[in-house]
């Protein structure tokens, strides 16, 4: 019978954990980004209305 143990390389066995490697200063949810974009669009429309 074949040997059932598998020799993996040292470390993570070729897998990367992105959550452990990268820490951002800004943690934004997708809803916050969409709300911010909507505020910019509304501000732009109001500028067009009031500064005509």
N, C-alpha and C. Protein backbone atom coordinates (compact mmCIF):
# COMPACT_ATOMS: atom_id res chain seq x y z
N UNK A 1 0.82 -1.19 0.00
CA UNK A 1 0.00 0.00 0.00
C UNK A 1 0.86 1.25 0.00
N UNK A 2 0.29 2.30 -0.53
CA UNK A 2 1.00 3.57 -0.57
C UNK A 2 0.97 4.23 0.80
N UNK A 3 1.97 5.05 1.02
CA UNK A 3 2.06 5.77 2.29
C UNK A 3 1.00 6.86 2.33
N UNK A 4 0.22 6.96 3.41
CA UNK A 4 -0.91 7.89 3.47
C UNK A 4 -0.53 9.28 3.99
N UNK A 5 0.67 9.46 4.49
CA UNK A 5 1.05 10.79 4.99
C UNK A 5 1.52 11.67 3.83
N UNK A 6 1.19 12.94 3.92
CA UNK A 6 1.55 13.90 2.88
C UNK A 6 2.49 14.92 3.48
N UNK A 7 3.61 15.16 2.82
CA UNK A 7 4.55 16.17 3.29
C UNK A 7 4.22 17.51 2.66
N UNK A 8 3.84 18.47 3.51
CA UNK A 8 3.52 19.82 3.05
C UNK A 8 4.72 20.71 3.27
N UNK A 9 4.89 21.73 2.42
CA UNK A 9 5.98 22.66 2.67
C UNK A 9 5.74 23.44 3.96
N UNK A 10 6.79 23.96 4.51
CA UNK A 10 6.65 24.69 5.77
C UNK A 10 5.83 25.96 5.54
N UNK A 11 5.23 26.45 6.58
CA UNK A 11 4.39 27.64 6.47
C UNK A 11 2.93 27.27 6.38
N UNK A 12 2.24 27.84 5.41
CA UNK A 12 0.81 27.64 5.30
C UNK A 12 0.45 26.58 4.26
N UNK A 13 1.36 25.86 3.75
CA UNK A 13 1.07 24.82 2.78
C UNK A 13 0.60 25.39 1.46
N UNK A 14 1.08 26.57 1.09
CA UNK A 14 0.71 27.19 -0.18
C UNK A 14 -0.53 28.05 -0.10
N UNK A 15 -1.19 28.10 1.05
CA UNK A 15 -2.38 28.92 1.20
C UNK A 15 -2.02 30.25 1.87
N UNK A 16 -2.68 31.30 1.43
CA UNK A 16 -2.42 32.62 2.02
C UNK A 16 -3.65 33.07 2.78
N UNK A 17 -3.43 33.74 3.86
CA UNK A 17 -4.53 34.31 4.64
C UNK A 17 -4.44 35.84 4.50
N UNK A 18 -5.29 36.39 3.66
CA UNK A 18 -5.23 37.82 3.40
C UNK A 18 -5.71 38.63 4.59
N UNK A 19 -6.62 38.08 5.37
CA UNK A 19 -7.15 38.80 6.52
C UNK A 19 -6.06 39.03 7.57
N UNK A 20 -5.15 38.08 7.70
CA UNK A 20 -4.09 38.21 8.68
C UNK A 20 -2.98 39.15 8.22
N UNK A 21 -2.82 39.31 6.92
CA UNK A 21 -1.69 40.08 6.40
C UNK A 21 -1.96 41.56 6.25
N UNK A 22 -3.20 41.94 5.97
CA UNK A 22 -3.48 43.33 5.62
C UNK A 22 -4.46 43.95 6.61
N UNK A 23 -4.04 45.04 7.24
CA UNK A 23 -4.90 45.78 8.15
C UNK A 23 -5.01 47.21 7.61
N UNK A 24 -6.23 47.67 7.38
CA UNK A 24 -6.45 48.99 6.84
C UNK A 24 -6.84 49.96 7.95
N UNK A 25 -6.50 51.23 7.75
CA UNK A 25 -6.88 52.27 8.70
C UNK A 25 -8.38 52.54 8.58
N UNK A 26 -8.91 52.53 7.34
CA UNK A 26 -10.31 52.78 7.08
C UNK A 26 -11.04 51.46 6.85
N UNK A 27 -12.05 51.22 7.65
CA UNK A 27 -12.88 50.02 7.46
C UNK A 27 -14.27 50.50 7.06
N UNK A 28 -14.55 50.52 5.76
CA UNK A 28 -15.82 51.01 5.24
C UNK A 28 -16.69 49.84 4.79
N UNK A 29 -17.95 49.94 5.13
CA UNK A 29 -18.92 48.96 4.64
C UNK A 29 -19.40 49.42 3.27
N UNK A 30 -19.86 48.51 2.44
CA UNK A 30 -20.37 48.91 1.12
C UNK A 30 -21.53 49.89 1.20
N UNK A 31 -22.35 49.79 2.25
CA UNK A 31 -23.47 50.73 2.39
C UNK A 31 -22.98 52.14 2.65
N UNK A 32 -21.87 52.29 3.36
CA UNK A 32 -21.31 53.61 3.60
C UNK A 32 -20.80 54.23 2.30
N UNK A 33 -20.18 53.43 1.47
CA UNK A 33 -19.65 53.92 0.19
C UNK A 33 -20.80 54.36 -0.71
N UNK A 34 -21.86 53.57 -0.79
CA UNK A 34 -23.02 53.92 -1.62
C UNK A 34 -23.68 55.19 -1.10
N UNK A 35 -23.82 55.32 0.22
CA UNK A 35 -24.42 56.53 0.80
C UNK A 35 -23.57 57.75 0.49
N UNK A 36 -22.26 57.64 0.56
CA UNK A 36 -21.38 58.75 0.27
C UNK A 36 -21.49 59.18 -1.20
N UNK A 37 -21.58 58.22 -2.10
CA UNK A 37 -21.74 58.52 -3.53
C UNK A 37 -23.08 59.20 -3.77
N UNK A 38 -24.13 58.72 -3.11
CA UNK A 38 -25.45 59.35 -3.25
C UNK A 38 -25.44 60.79 -2.75
N UNK A 39 -24.74 61.05 -1.65
CA UNK A 39 -24.63 62.42 -1.14
C UNK A 39 -23.91 63.33 -2.13
N UNK A 40 -22.88 62.83 -2.77
CA UNK A 40 -22.16 63.62 -3.77
C UNK A 40 -23.07 63.93 -4.95
N UNK A 41 -23.85 62.95 -5.41
CA UNK A 41 -24.76 63.16 -6.54
C UNK A 41 -25.83 64.19 -6.17
N UNK A 42 -26.40 64.09 -4.98
CA UNK A 42 -27.42 65.05 -4.54
C UNK A 42 -26.82 66.45 -4.42
N UNK A 43 -25.63 66.55 -3.89
CA UNK A 43 -24.95 67.84 -3.78
C UNK A 43 -24.72 68.46 -5.15
N UNK A 44 -24.33 67.65 -6.10
CA UNK A 44 -24.09 68.13 -7.47
C UNK A 44 -25.38 68.62 -8.12
N UNK A 45 -26.47 67.89 -7.91
CA UNK A 45 -27.77 68.32 -8.46
C UNK A 45 -28.21 69.63 -7.82
N UNK A 46 -28.05 69.77 -6.50
CA UNK A 46 -28.44 71.00 -5.83
C UNK A 46 -27.60 72.18 -6.29
N UNK A 47 -26.32 71.95 -6.56
CA UNK A 47 -25.48 73.04 -7.09
C UNK A 47 -26.00 73.49 -8.44
N UNK A 48 -26.40 72.57 -9.27
CA UNK A 48 -26.94 72.92 -10.58
C UNK A 48 -28.24 73.68 -10.49
N UNK A 49 -29.07 73.38 -9.50
CA UNK A 49 -30.36 74.05 -9.36
C UNK A 49 -30.18 75.46 -8.81
N UNK A 50 -29.38 75.62 -7.78
CA UNK A 50 -29.25 76.91 -7.09
C UNK A 50 -28.29 77.87 -7.79
N UNK A 51 -27.38 77.40 -8.59
CA UNK A 51 -26.39 78.29 -9.21
C UNK A 51 -26.67 78.53 -10.69
N UNK A 52 -27.91 78.30 -11.12
CA UNK A 52 -28.26 78.52 -12.54
C UNK A 52 -28.37 79.97 -12.86
